[in-house]
Protein backbone atom coordinates (compact mmCIF):
# COMPACT_ATOMS: atom_id res chain seq x y z
CA MET A 1 0.43 -19.41 -33.27
CA GLY A 2 -1.52 -16.99 -35.48
CA TRP A 3 -0.48 -13.68 -37.02
CA GLN A 4 -1.21 -11.90 -33.76
CA GLY A 5 1.54 -13.89 -32.04
CA TRP A 6 4.09 -13.17 -34.76
CA PHE A 7 3.07 -9.52 -34.70
CA ALA A 8 3.57 -9.37 -30.90
CA LEU A 9 6.98 -11.02 -31.23
CA GLY A 10 7.99 -8.59 -33.98
CA LEU A 11 6.81 -5.68 -31.87
CA ALA A 12 8.82 -6.97 -28.90
CA GLY A 13 11.91 -7.28 -31.12
CA ALA A 14 11.45 -3.75 -32.47
CA ALA A 15 11.05 -2.38 -28.93
CA LEU A 16 14.28 -4.11 -27.85
CA LEU A 17 16.20 -2.64 -30.79
CA LEU A 18 14.88 0.87 -30.20
CA MET A 19 15.62 0.82 -26.46
CA SER A 20 19.06 -0.74 -26.86
CA SER A 21 20.05 1.92 -29.42
CA GLY A 22 19.91 4.53 -26.64
CA ARG A 23 18.29 7.07 -28.96
CA TYR A 24 14.77 6.61 -27.65
CA ALA A 25 13.61 6.79 -24.05
CA PRO A 26 12.25 3.42 -22.81
CA HIS A 27 8.99 4.92 -21.58
CA LEU A 28 8.28 6.43 -25.00
CA VAL A 29 9.02 3.13 -26.75
CA MET A 30 6.81 1.11 -24.43
CA MET A 31 3.97 3.63 -24.58
CA GLY A 32 4.18 3.42 -28.39
CA VAL A 33 3.93 -0.38 -28.17
CA LEU A 34 0.89 -0.07 -25.90
CA VAL A 35 -0.85 2.19 -28.42
CA VAL A 36 -0.16 -0.18 -31.33
CA LEU A 37 -1.36 -3.26 -29.43
CA SER A 38 -4.55 -1.56 -28.27
CA ALA A 39 -5.33 0.10 -31.62
CA SER A 40 -4.77 -3.16 -33.54
CA GLY A 41 -7.19 -5.04 -31.29
CA ILE A 42 -4.61 -7.66 -30.25
CA ILE A 43 -5.41 -6.81 -26.63
CA SER A 44 -8.42 -5.01 -25.18
CA ALA A 45 -8.31 -1.52 -23.72
CA ASP A 46 -8.63 -3.02 -20.23
CA GLN A 47 -5.61 -5.24 -20.83
CA ALA A 48 -3.61 -2.36 -22.31
CA LEU A 49 -4.19 -0.19 -19.25
CA ALA A 50 -4.05 -2.93 -16.59
CA GLY A 51 -0.45 -2.11 -15.76
CA PHE A 52 -1.41 1.34 -14.48
CA SER A 53 -3.53 -0.23 -11.73
CA ASN A 54 -1.19 -3.10 -10.94
CA THR A 55 -0.52 -3.48 -7.21
CA GLY A 56 3.22 -3.85 -7.78
CA LEU A 57 3.41 -0.56 -9.66
CA ILE A 58 1.39 1.34 -7.06
CA THR A 59 3.61 -0.11 -4.33
CA VAL A 60 6.67 1.18 -6.21
CA VAL A 61 5.16 4.68 -6.36
CA ALA A 62 4.41 4.64 -2.62
CA LEU A 63 7.93 3.48 -1.79
CA PHE A 64 9.39 6.36 -3.81
CA VAL A 65 7.65 8.65 -1.29
CA VAL A 66 8.91 6.59 1.67
CA ALA A 67 12.48 6.91 0.34
CA ALA A 68 11.92 10.67 -0.07
CA GLY A 69 10.95 10.89 3.61
CA ILE A 70 14.16 9.16 4.66
CA HIS A 71 16.22 11.41 2.38
CA HIS A 72 14.66 14.78 3.19
CA SER A 73 14.65 14.15 6.94
CA GLY A 74 18.39 13.47 6.89
CA GLY A 75 17.89 9.82 7.85
CA VAL A 76 20.74 8.60 5.66
CA ASP A 77 23.02 11.28 7.10
CA LEU A 78 22.70 9.60 10.51
CA LEU A 79 24.32 6.48 9.09
CA VAL A 80 26.93 8.46 7.16
CA ARG A 81 28.05 10.30 10.31
CA HIS A 82 28.28 7.18 12.46
CA LEU A 83 29.65 4.63 10.01
CA LEU A 84 32.07 6.30 7.59
CA ARG A 85 34.59 7.90 9.97
CA ASN A 86 38.33 7.51 9.12
CA PRO A 87 39.38 4.18 7.53
CA LYS A 88 43.08 3.54 6.93
CA THR A 89 42.88 1.41 3.77
CA VAL A 90 40.86 1.28 0.54
CA ARG A 91 39.34 -2.07 1.53
CA SER A 92 38.23 -0.68 4.88
CA ALA A 93 36.69 2.35 3.18
CA GLN A 94 34.82 0.13 0.72
CA ALA A 95 33.53 -2.01 3.59
CA ARG A 96 32.17 1.07 5.38
CA ILE A 97 30.18 1.88 2.23
CA THR A 98 29.06 -1.53 0.97
CA LEU A 99 27.66 -3.04 4.16
CA PRO A 100 25.31 -0.22 5.26
CA VAL A 101 24.29 0.64 1.68
CA ALA A 102 23.36 -2.98 0.94
CA LEU A 103 21.27 -3.11 4.11
CA LEU A 104 19.59 0.20 3.28
CA SER A 105 18.82 -0.91 -0.26
CA GLY A 106 17.07 -3.98 1.08
CA PHE A 107 14.28 -1.75 2.37
CA LEU A 108 14.51 1.39 0.23
CA ASN A 109 14.61 1.82 -3.53
CA ASN A 110 18.33 1.79 -4.34
CA THR A 111 18.24 4.81 -6.68
CA PRO A 112 17.48 7.44 -3.96
CA VAL A 113 19.90 5.67 -1.60
CA VAL A 114 22.75 6.10 -4.11
CA ALA A 115 21.65 9.65 -4.97
CA THR A 116 21.90 10.56 -1.28
CA MET A 117 25.24 8.84 -0.76
CA ILE A 118 27.12 10.20 -3.83
CA PRO A 119 27.85 13.71 -2.46
CA ALA A 120 28.62 12.31 0.99
CA VAL A 121 31.02 9.68 -0.37
CA HIS A 122 32.60 12.21 -2.74
CA ALA A 123 33.36 14.65 0.08
CA TRP A 124 34.47 11.79 2.37
CA SER A 125 36.89 10.48 -0.28
CA ARG A 126 38.66 13.84 -0.34
CA LYS A 127 38.85 13.93 3.44
CA ILE A 128 40.42 10.46 3.77
CA GLY A 129 42.64 10.83 0.69
CA ILE A 130 41.18 7.92 -1.32
CA ALA A 131 40.23 8.45 -4.97
CA PRO A 132 36.45 8.44 -5.69
CA SER A 133 37.13 5.90 -8.46
CA LYS A 134 37.90 3.37 -5.71
CA LEU A 135 34.56 3.95 -3.98
CA MET A 136 31.79 4.83 -6.45
CA ILE A 137 31.45 1.45 -8.24
CA PRO A 138 31.32 -0.40 -4.88
CA LEU A 139 28.60 2.07 -3.85
CA SER A 140 26.49 1.21 -6.92
CA TYR A 141 27.16 -2.53 -6.82
CA SER A 142 26.32 -2.85 -3.12
CA ALA A 143 23.04 -0.99 -3.70
CA ILE A 144 22.19 -3.41 -6.53
CA LEU A 145 23.00 -6.44 -4.36
CA GLY A 146 21.05 -5.03 -1.43
CA GLY A 147 17.98 -4.66 -3.62
CA THR A 148 17.73 -8.47 -3.79
CA LEU A 149 17.41 -8.87 -0.01
CA THR A 150 13.64 -8.23 0.18
CA MET A 151 10.69 -7.88 -2.14
CA ILE A 152 10.63 -4.10 -1.57
CA GLY A 153 14.36 -3.63 -2.17
CA THR A 154 13.97 -2.68 -5.81
CA SER A 155 11.09 -1.79 -8.08
CA THR A 156 11.80 -4.83 -10.28
CA ASN A 157 10.90 -7.27 -7.51
CA LEU A 158 7.57 -5.56 -6.87
CA VAL A 159 6.74 -5.29 -10.56
CA VAL A 160 7.50 -8.96 -11.26
CA ASN A 161 5.47 -9.99 -8.22
CA GLY A 162 2.56 -7.81 -9.38
CA GLN A 163 2.66 -9.26 -12.91
CA TYR A 164 2.90 -12.78 -11.49
CA GLN A 165 -0.25 -12.16 -9.45
CA GLN A 166 -2.02 -10.67 -12.47
CA LEU A 167 -1.17 -13.50 -14.89
CA THR A 168 -1.72 -16.42 -12.51
CA GLY A 169 -4.26 -15.17 -9.99
CA ASP A 170 -2.03 -16.44 -7.15
CA ALA A 171 -1.44 -14.51 -3.93
CA GLY A 172 2.13 -13.71 -4.95
CA LEU A 173 5.30 -13.66 -2.86
CA SER A 174 5.75 -12.21 0.62
CA ILE A 175 8.22 -9.49 1.58
CA PHE A 176 10.96 -11.96 2.59
CA SER A 177 10.32 -14.69 -0.03
CA ILE A 178 13.43 -13.68 -1.95
CA THR A 179 15.66 -13.33 1.13
CA ALA A 180 16.78 -16.99 1.27
CA VAL A 181 18.33 -16.53 -2.18
CA GLY A 182 19.20 -12.82 -2.02
CA LEU A 183 21.07 -12.92 1.31
CA PRO A 184 23.82 -15.43 0.34
CA VAL A 185 24.14 -13.73 -3.07
CA ALA A 186 24.56 -10.31 -1.40
CA ILE A 187 27.07 -11.65 1.16
CA LEU A 188 29.22 -13.37 -1.47
CA GLY A 189 28.89 -10.41 -3.85
CA ILE A 190 30.09 -7.95 -1.22
CA ALA A 191 32.91 -10.34 -0.29
CA ALA A 192 33.97 -10.35 -3.96
CA ILE A 193 33.90 -6.54 -4.02
CA LEU A 194 36.10 -6.27 -0.93
CA LEU A 195 38.48 -9.02 -2.06
CA PHE A 196 39.15 -7.98 -5.67
CA MET A 197 38.09 -4.37 -6.25
CA PRO A 198 40.64 -2.49 -4.12
CA ARG A 199 43.22 -3.45 -6.78
CA ALA A 200 40.98 -3.89 -9.83
CA LEU A 201 39.43 -0.41 -9.77
CA PRO A 202 41.40 2.48 -11.28
CA ASN A 203 43.09 5.00 -9.01
CA ARG A 204 42.05 8.32 -10.53
CA GLU A 205 42.56 11.21 -8.18
CA ASP A 206 39.65 13.63 -7.80
CA ARG A 207 40.90 16.33 -10.14
CA HIS A 208 39.49 19.81 -9.93
CA LYS A 209 37.57 19.13 -13.10
CA PHE A 210 36.38 22.67 -13.64
CA GLY A 211 39.16 24.68 -12.05
CA SER A 212 38.42 28.18 -10.82
CA MET A 213 35.00 28.32 -12.50
CA ARG A 214 33.68 26.15 -9.68
CA GLU A 215 34.93 28.49 -6.99
CA PHE A 216 32.56 31.03 -5.52
CA THR A 217 31.41 32.43 -2.20
CA LEU A 218 29.01 30.46 -0.04
CA GLU A 219 26.91 32.23 2.57
CA VAL A 220 25.01 30.33 5.24
CA ALA A 221 23.69 31.05 8.71
CA VAL A 222 23.66 29.38 12.12
CA ALA A 223 20.11 28.36 13.10
CA PHE A 224 18.90 30.27 16.19
CA ASP A 225 17.67 27.14 17.96
CA GLY A 226 20.12 24.68 16.36
CA PRO A 227 22.72 22.44 18.01
CA LEU A 228 25.66 24.59 16.82
CA VAL A 229 24.79 27.57 19.04
CA GLY A 230 27.50 27.94 21.68
CA LYS A 231 29.89 25.54 19.99
CA ALA A 232 33.36 26.56 18.90
CA VAL A 233 34.07 26.67 15.15
CA GLY A 234 36.47 23.74 15.43
CA GLU A 235 34.10 21.75 17.63
CA ALA A 236 31.30 22.24 15.08
CA GLY A 237 33.46 20.63 12.37
CA LEU A 238 33.64 23.77 10.23
CA ARG A 239 37.43 23.56 10.02
CA GLU A 240 37.37 19.99 8.64
CA LEU A 241 35.45 20.72 5.43
CA GLU A 242 37.49 19.88 2.35
CA ARG A 243 37.90 22.61 -0.34
CA LEU A 244 35.84 24.93 1.81
CA TYR A 245 37.33 27.70 3.99
CA LEU A 246 35.56 29.85 6.58
CA VAL A 247 36.48 33.41 5.59
CA GLU A 248 34.48 35.50 8.04
CA ILE A 249 31.51 35.69 10.38
CA GLU A 250 29.06 38.56 10.24
CA ARG A 251 27.41 39.17 13.60
CA ASP A 252 25.22 42.06 14.78
CA GLY A 253 26.44 44.39 12.05
CA SER A 254 30.13 43.67 12.61
CA VAL A 255 32.49 41.23 10.92
CA VAL A 256 34.77 38.70 12.58
CA THR A 257 37.72 38.07 10.24
CA ALA A 258 40.58 35.57 10.51
CA VAL A 259 38.18 33.34 12.42
CA SER A 260 39.92 31.11 14.97
CA SER A 261 38.87 27.54 15.78
CA GLU A 262 37.96 28.67 19.32
CA GLU A 263 35.43 31.29 18.15
CA ARG A 264 31.99 30.49 19.64
CA LEU A 265 29.02 30.44 17.27
CA ARG A 266 25.81 32.35 17.98
CA GLY A 267 22.34 31.96 16.58
CA GLY A 268 21.91 34.07 13.45
CA ASP A 269 25.65 34.25 12.66
CA ARG A 270 26.18 34.69 8.94
CA LEU A 271 29.08 32.45 7.85
CA VAL A 272 30.95 33.27 4.65
CA PHE A 273 32.95 30.43 3.07
CA ALA A 274 35.17 30.31 0.00
CA GLY A 275 34.58 27.06 -1.82
CA ASP A 276 33.19 25.28 -4.86
CA THR A 277 29.88 24.08 -6.20
CA GLN A 278 30.22 20.66 -4.62
CA ALA A 279 30.71 22.13 -1.17
CA ILE A 280 27.26 23.67 -0.75
CA SER A 281 25.47 20.30 -0.62
CA ASP A 282 27.81 19.07 2.14
CA LEU A 283 27.53 22.34 4.05
CA LEU A 284 23.73 22.56 4.09
CA ARG A 285 23.42 18.97 5.33
CA ILE A 286 25.14 19.91 8.63
CA ASN A 287 22.55 19.95 11.38
CA GLY A 288 22.26 23.57 12.55
CA ILE A 289 23.31 25.22 9.26
CA VAL A 290 20.60 26.99 7.24
CA PRO A 291 20.65 29.17 4.09
CA SER A 292 21.57 32.81 4.67
CA VAL A 293 18.43 34.94 4.85
CA HIS A 294 19.61 38.54 5.19
CA ALA A 295 17.00 40.74 3.56
CA ASP A 296 19.16 43.82 3.06
CA GLU A 297 22.18 42.29 1.31
CA PRO A 298 22.91 39.66 -1.32
CA SER A 299 22.72 36.17 0.09
CA LEU A 300 23.12 32.66 -1.17
CA SER A 301 19.39 32.20 -1.59
CA LYS A 302 19.03 35.47 -3.52
CA ASP A 303 21.92 34.47 -5.73
CA ARG A 304 20.25 31.16 -6.47
CA ALA A 305 17.01 32.94 -7.33
CA GLU A 306 18.85 34.62 -10.21
CA ARG A 307 20.81 31.58 -11.38
CA CYS A 308 22.55 28.53 -10.01
CA LEU A 309 25.61 26.47 -10.80
CA MET A 310 25.31 22.71 -10.88
CA GLU A 311 26.98 19.58 -12.11
CA ALA A 312 24.84 17.14 -14.10
CA ALA A 313 25.65 13.89 -15.92
CA LEU A 314 24.04 13.15 -19.28
CA SER A 315 21.70 10.16 -19.01
CA PRO A 316 21.51 7.44 -21.69
CA GLN A 317 18.06 8.77 -22.65
CA SER A 318 19.13 12.39 -23.19
CA ASP A 319 17.94 14.06 -26.38
CA VAL A 320 21.32 15.73 -26.99
CA LEU A 321 23.54 12.64 -27.14
CA GLY A 322 25.75 12.65 -30.22
CA GLN A 323 25.24 16.37 -30.79
CA THR A 324 27.79 19.11 -30.27
CA ILE A 325 27.09 21.63 -27.53
CA ARG A 326 26.52 24.31 -30.17
CA ASP A 327 23.98 22.18 -32.08
CA ALA A 328 22.22 21.11 -28.87
CA ARG A 329 21.13 24.74 -28.22
CA PHE A 330 21.18 24.37 -24.43
CA ARG A 331 19.94 27.89 -23.77
CA GLU A 332 16.77 27.46 -25.84
CA ARG A 333 16.18 23.81 -24.96
CA TYR A 334 16.92 23.79 -21.22
CA GLY A 335 17.38 27.39 -20.09
CA ALA A 336 20.97 26.52 -19.22
CA VAL A 337 24.51 27.33 -20.38
CA VAL A 338 27.35 24.77 -20.45
CA LEU A 339 30.48 26.18 -18.78
CA ALA A 340 32.66 23.06 -18.97
CA VAL A 341 32.56 19.33 -19.73
CA ALA A 342 34.30 16.49 -17.88
CA ARG A 343 34.71 12.97 -19.26
CA GLY A 344 36.42 10.08 -17.56
CA GLY A 345 37.33 12.25 -14.59
CA ALA A 346 39.13 14.92 -16.64
CA ARG A 347 37.99 18.22 -18.07
CA VAL A 348 37.45 18.05 -21.84
CA SER A 349 39.63 20.71 -23.45
CA GLY A 350 39.27 22.45 -26.79
CA ASN A 351 36.50 24.53 -28.30
CA LEU A 352 33.51 24.07 -26.00
CA GLY A 353 30.92 24.44 -28.74
CA ASN A 354 32.46 21.61 -30.79
CA ILE A 355 32.48 18.98 -28.02
CA ARG A 356 30.26 16.05 -29.04
CA LEU A 357 28.26 14.83 -26.05
CA LYS A 358 28.32 11.22 -24.79
CA PRO A 359 26.40 9.33 -22.04
CA GLY A 360 27.95 9.96 -18.64
CA ASP A 361 29.58 13.28 -19.57
CA VAL A 362 29.54 15.60 -16.56
CA LEU A 363 28.52 19.16 -17.43
CA LEU A 364 29.05 22.27 -15.33
CA LEU A 365 25.90 24.27 -15.99
CA GLU A 366 24.72 27.76 -15.20
CA ALA A 367 20.95 27.36 -15.21
CA ARG A 368 17.71 28.89 -14.10
CA PRO A 369 16.23 27.41 -10.90
CA ALA A 370 13.39 25.81 -12.92
CA PHE A 371 15.99 23.56 -14.57
CA VAL A 372 16.18 21.38 -11.45
CA SER A 373 12.45 20.76 -11.15
CA ARG A 374 12.10 20.06 -14.88
CA GLN A 375 14.88 17.48 -14.88
CA ARG A 376 13.22 15.53 -12.10
CA TYR A 377 10.64 14.64 -14.72
CA ASN A 378 12.52 14.82 -18.04
CA LYS A 379 15.51 12.74 -16.91
CA ASP A 380 17.81 14.09 -19.62
CA PHE A 381 20.33 14.63 -16.83
CA LEU A 382 21.26 12.95 -13.58
CA LEU A 383 21.91 15.80 -11.17
CA ILE A 384 25.16 15.20 -9.29
CA ASN A 385 25.40 18.45 -7.40
CA ASP A 386 22.29 20.56 -7.02
CA LEU A 387 22.81 23.92 -5.33
CA GLY A 388 19.07 24.02 -4.72
CA THR A 389 19.40 21.19 -2.22
CA GLU A 390 16.95 21.76 0.60
CA THR A 391 18.20 21.61 4.17
CA PRO A 392 17.13 18.29 5.72
CA ARG A 393 14.72 18.34 8.66
CA HIS A 394 17.12 16.63 11.05
CA ASP A 395 14.57 16.57 13.88
CA ARG A 396 12.50 14.10 11.81
CA ALA A 397 15.37 11.69 11.00
CA TRP A 398 14.61 9.09 13.68
CA LEU A 399 10.89 9.41 13.00
CA SER A 400 11.41 8.57 9.32
CA TRP A 401 13.28 5.40 10.28
CA ALA A 402 10.49 4.50 12.70
CA VAL A 403 7.95 4.80 9.86
CA LEU A 404 10.05 2.45 7.72
CA VAL A 405 10.35 -0.10 10.55
CA VAL A 406 6.57 -0.02 11.07
CA LEU A 407 5.99 -0.45 7.33
CA VAL A 408 8.29 -3.48 7.08
CA GLY A 409 6.93 -5.00 10.29
CA LEU A 410 3.30 -4.77 9.19
CA ALA A 411 4.10 -6.33 5.82
CA ALA A 412 6.34 -9.06 7.27
CA CYS A 413 3.77 -10.11 9.89
CA GLY A 414 0.99 -10.23 7.34
CA VAL A 415 -1.05 -7.55 9.11
CA LEU A 416 -1.15 -5.53 5.88
CA SER A 417 -0.30 -6.37 2.28
CA MET A 418 2.87 -4.84 0.84
CA LEU A 419 0.69 -2.40 -1.10
CA ASN A 420 -1.25 -1.17 1.93
CA ALA A 421 1.86 -1.06 4.12
CA ALA A 422 3.65 1.06 1.49
CA LEU A 423 0.67 3.39 1.10
CA LEU A 424 0.44 3.81 4.87
CA GLY A 425 4.19 4.50 5.07
CA ALA A 426 3.97 7.13 2.32
CA ALA A 427 1.05 8.85 4.06
CA LEU A 428 2.88 8.88 7.41
CA MET A 429 6.01 10.39 5.80
CA ILE A 430 3.96 13.32 4.52
CA LEU A 431 1.70 13.77 7.57
CA SER A 432 4.65 13.63 10.00
CA GLY A 433 6.58 16.26 8.03
CA CYS A 434 9.46 13.95 7.06
CA CYS A 435 8.88 15.22 3.53
CA SER A 436 6.56 17.80 2.03
CA VAL A 437 3.85 17.14 -0.54
CA GLY A 438 6.04 18.83 -3.17
CA GLN A 439 9.02 16.65 -2.28
CA ALA A 440 6.81 13.55 -2.42
CA GLN A 441 5.56 14.50 -5.89
CA LYS A 442 9.09 15.12 -7.17
CA SER A 443 10.30 11.80 -5.77
CA VAL A 444 8.10 9.75 -8.10
CA ASP A 445 10.15 8.80 -11.17
CA ALA A 446 7.51 9.29 -13.88
CA PRO A 447 9.49 7.70 -16.79
CA VAL A 448 10.13 4.58 -14.70
CA VAL A 449 6.44 4.35 -13.77
CA LEU A 450 5.35 4.76 -17.40
CA THR A 451 7.88 2.17 -18.62
CA ILE A 452 6.69 -0.38 -16.09
CA ALA A 453 2.97 0.23 -16.67
CA ALA A 454 3.24 0.15 -20.46
CA SER A 455 5.42 -3.00 -20.40
CA PHE A 456 2.49 -4.95 -18.94
CA ALA A 457 0.60 -4.47 -22.22
CA LEU A 458 3.32 -6.21 -24.23
CA GLY A 459 3.59 -8.95 -21.61
CA ALA A 460 -0.16 -9.56 -21.82
CA ALA A 461 0.00 -9.69 -25.63
CA LEU A 462 2.83 -12.25 -25.59
CA GLN A 463 0.83 -14.38 -23.15
CA GLN A 464 -2.54 -14.13 -24.90
CA THR A 465 -1.37 -14.67 -28.49
CA GLY A 466 0.71 -17.75 -27.74
CA ALA A 467 3.99 -16.00 -28.50
CA ALA A 468 5.20 -16.63 -24.94
CA SER A 469 4.50 -20.35 -25.31
CA TYR A 470 6.39 -20.40 -28.61
CA VAL A 471 9.52 -18.85 -27.05
CA ALA A 472 9.12 -21.09 -23.99
CA ASP A 473 9.12 -24.19 -26.22
CA ALA A 474 12.32 -22.93 -27.88
CA ILE A 475 14.02 -22.56 -24.49
CA LEU A 476 12.76 -26.01 -23.45
CA GLY A 477 14.27 -27.42 -26.62
CA LEU A 478 17.65 -25.98 -25.69
CA SER A 479 17.40 -27.24 -22.11
CA LYS A 480 16.26 -30.74 -23.25
CA GLY A 481 13.89 -30.93 -20.28
CA HIS A 482 16.57 -30.34 -17.62
CA VAL A 483 15.06 -28.02 -15.01
CA LEU A 484 18.41 -26.66 -13.79
CA LEU A 485 19.57 -25.90 -17.34
CA ALA A 486 16.23 -24.20 -18.07
CA LEU A 487 16.72 -22.11 -14.93
CA PHE A 488 20.18 -21.08 -16.09
CA LEU A 489 18.89 -20.14 -19.56
CA VAL A 490 16.14 -17.97 -18.03
CA TYR A 491 18.67 -16.18 -15.83
CA PHE A 492 21.07 -15.70 -18.75
CA SER A 493 18.34 -14.31 -21.03
CA VAL A 494 17.15 -11.73 -18.50
CA SER A 495 20.72 -10.78 -17.60
CA VAL A 496 21.63 -10.03 -21.23
CA LEU A 497 18.41 -8.08 -21.81
CA THR A 498 18.99 -6.02 -18.67
CA GLU A 499 22.35 -4.79 -19.99
CA VAL A 500 20.77 -3.35 -23.15
CA ILE A 501 17.30 -2.22 -21.99
CA THR A 502 15.83 -1.26 -18.60
CA ASN A 503 15.74 -3.94 -15.92
CA ASN A 504 11.99 -3.54 -15.37
CA ALA A 505 11.14 -3.90 -19.05
CA ALA A 506 13.39 -6.96 -19.37
CA ALA A 507 11.70 -8.68 -16.43
CA VAL A 508 8.15 -7.89 -17.56
CA LEU A 509 8.84 -9.18 -21.08
CA VAL A 510 10.38 -12.47 -19.96
CA LEU A 511 7.96 -13.42 -17.17
CA PRO A 512 5.09 -14.56 -19.46
CA VAL A 513 7.58 -16.81 -21.25
CA VAL A 514 8.74 -18.23 -17.93
CA LEU A 515 5.21 -18.98 -16.76
CA SER A 516 4.39 -20.74 -20.02
CA MET A 517 7.58 -22.78 -19.69
CA THR A 518 6.95 -23.89 -16.09
CA THR A 519 3.39 -24.87 -16.98
CA THR A 520 4.63 -27.05 -19.85
CA MET A 521 7.33 -28.63 -17.66
CA GLY A 522 4.91 -29.15 -14.76
CA VAL A 523 7.23 -27.56 -12.20
CA ALA A 524 6.74 -24.81 -9.61
CA ALA A 525 6.98 -21.30 -11.01
CA GLU A 526 8.42 -19.61 -7.89
CA PRO A 527 12.14 -20.48 -8.38
CA PHE A 528 11.96 -19.24 -11.98
CA VAL A 529 10.20 -16.04 -10.88
CA ILE A 530 12.98 -15.49 -8.31
CA ALA A 531 15.56 -16.08 -11.07
CA VAL A 532 13.93 -13.34 -13.18
CA MET A 533 14.10 -10.93 -10.23
CA MET A 534 17.73 -11.73 -9.45
CA ALA A 535 18.89 -11.51 -13.09
CA ALA A 536 17.06 -8.23 -13.71
CA SER A 537 18.93 -6.65 -10.79
CA ALA A 538 22.35 -8.12 -11.61
CA SER A 539 23.55 -5.48 -14.05
CA PHE A 540 27.22 -4.75 -13.44
CA ALA A 541 28.97 -4.86 -16.83
CA THR A 542 27.97 -1.46 -18.27
CA PRO A 543 27.00 1.94 -16.88
CA LEU A 544 23.89 1.82 -19.09
CA GLY A 545 22.31 -1.32 -17.63
CA TYR A 546 21.29 0.09 -14.25
CA GLN A 547 20.60 3.67 -13.23
CA THR A 548 22.84 3.61 -10.16
CA ASN A 549 25.77 2.66 -12.43
CA MET A 550 25.14 5.71 -14.59
CA MET A 551 24.79 7.90 -11.49
CA VAL A 552 28.30 7.03 -10.26
CA PHE A 553 29.87 7.06 -13.76
CA GLY A 554 30.69 10.79 -13.77
CA PRO A 555 31.48 11.34 -10.06
CA GLY A 556 33.84 8.35 -10.10
CA GLY A 557 35.67 9.60 -13.18
CA TYR A 558 35.13 6.22 -14.87
CA ARG A 559 35.49 5.12 -18.45
CA PHE A 560 33.24 2.53 -20.12
CA ARG A 561 35.98 -0.09 -20.01
CA ASP A 562 36.28 0.28 -16.21
CA PHE A 563 32.79 -1.17 -15.85
CA MET A 564 33.51 -3.93 -18.36
CA ARG A 565 36.72 -4.95 -16.59
CA VAL A 566 35.19 -5.36 -13.12
CA GLY A 567 31.52 -5.78 -14.05
CA LEU A 568 31.72 -8.68 -16.52
CA PRO A 569 33.37 -11.05 -14.00
CA MET A 570 30.86 -9.77 -11.41
CA ASN A 571 27.95 -10.61 -13.73
CA LEU A 572 29.25 -14.15 -14.24
CA PHE A 573 30.01 -14.70 -10.55
CA ILE A 574 26.65 -13.39 -9.30
CA GLY A 575 24.82 -15.37 -12.00
CA LEU A 576 26.52 -18.61 -10.94
CA VAL A 577 25.90 -17.95 -7.23
CA SER A 578 22.24 -17.01 -7.87
CA VAL A 579 21.47 -20.17 -9.87
CA VAL A 580 23.21 -22.36 -7.26
CA ALA A 581 21.38 -20.61 -4.40
CA ILE A 582 17.99 -21.02 -6.10
CA SER A 583 18.67 -24.71 -6.84
CA VAL A 584 19.67 -25.35 -3.20
CA VAL A 585 16.73 -23.43 -1.67
CA TYR A 586 14.14 -25.06 -3.95
CA GLY A 587 15.73 -28.50 -4.17
CA ILE A 588 16.43 -28.43 -7.93
CA ARG A 589 18.89 -31.15 -8.84
CA PRO A 590 20.90 -31.64 -12.07
CA GLY A 591 19.50 -34.09 -14.59
């Protein structure tokens, strides 16, 4: 191995250190690596930019749009309404979340699935009297497990498959190639969640983290042609909303006060509720409720045009981590003001300006409307409760599911490749009105796309310079030629990397090593490729390892040690089950 190989290895090590420190965004680190590799001549410009045209990456982008169609048409709300209902125990409540979410995540990117479910599960937890801390980690874990059911379940599977095709020239894996391994892993993983987590998870009641500052008046209207017209208030479910009270109805210039449950709703009724910031998302997702649009008086939409209140969790890549609120200069940097901070489910007391910010802190912000659109790209925050939530197009819900079924069917039957099926599905979501062009654009996670595309450059450098072969020989030395032990070492390496850097970057960096190793051993590459996919998704031990974990960190009121306590045994259990499943499916025997 020449100097180029050692340089590529050193660059990979530096990238790992920078990303694991949490101070630098993964996409910036990997783009920097791409520039260095291309400028130094270690790889050509075509190799440096090959990731941007990789079929796996383009499929990921298309599936972001498909997931946006399901979300914005209210498709997930159909499942929420029919499946959650009123469980009597914590285990029953967890089962009603884990089973449908795992199935959903098998066919949709798990990040938008969890983003859609968080407000619904949060409101549901208050209604059934079960602490969110008992439900949010099972929500994230089941989404992670569900992502291993099919090749389109998570971006990592598609990216690894795309890189595998690029490095080997093979046709790659089909949509259900991973299912024989992923299905038993998901079943046993969910069984472990339901068996152990009702007691293992903390019981932190959903405190009113921000007290009276969250309370304000919500104004909405009854759609003229919606399904609520003619229904009584009680029949429409407007008396069952938690922390939300119907104060009055304005109708034809008069006001109905002390509204009874028998009062019949009419099209155009202006409903005034007293509630909190979290309530507006739940309210606007009711089929037949639309934002208030009175032109002559202040309305909810006019109020939001001036400013909006929202809750947002600090992401691990945020620029303000470690700074005090005063030093972070939120007003100049983001056009937002911090009103309160919650950490570990409780409001942080003391001088607000002196609070030092940490990953997962939940901030109550008063911000300009542009804040929401900017954060969809900047990713400094994970928006928990966005008052700008658009009302779903409920009449397109079943159509969006039909598009997804067609997409999966065409790919499964081999009529279209996964890439073309995903592109067709994305086009149908937009053309059918399940989501708008603007919603489709916002759904694409630009930092994730850049991280994946740039990671291909480092993977190509490791392969071309012989660095991958060098590391592969080291792993073979440890395994002493035993295929099953080599498989376990590959899984373990990816699993550890995933906890400290992004799952996609970990998978892309390790795959060239794996291919070099299987070539040297003279064994089939597919079981090792599946092991990389499974290990890259199995991130349970920290909130930093997988985005869905960070998304539920604040709403669940968790502390870092909560993830370690339940996630470390989960990592070990899923790792053992995955290696056993792969060895059984592919006939790998010990020795």
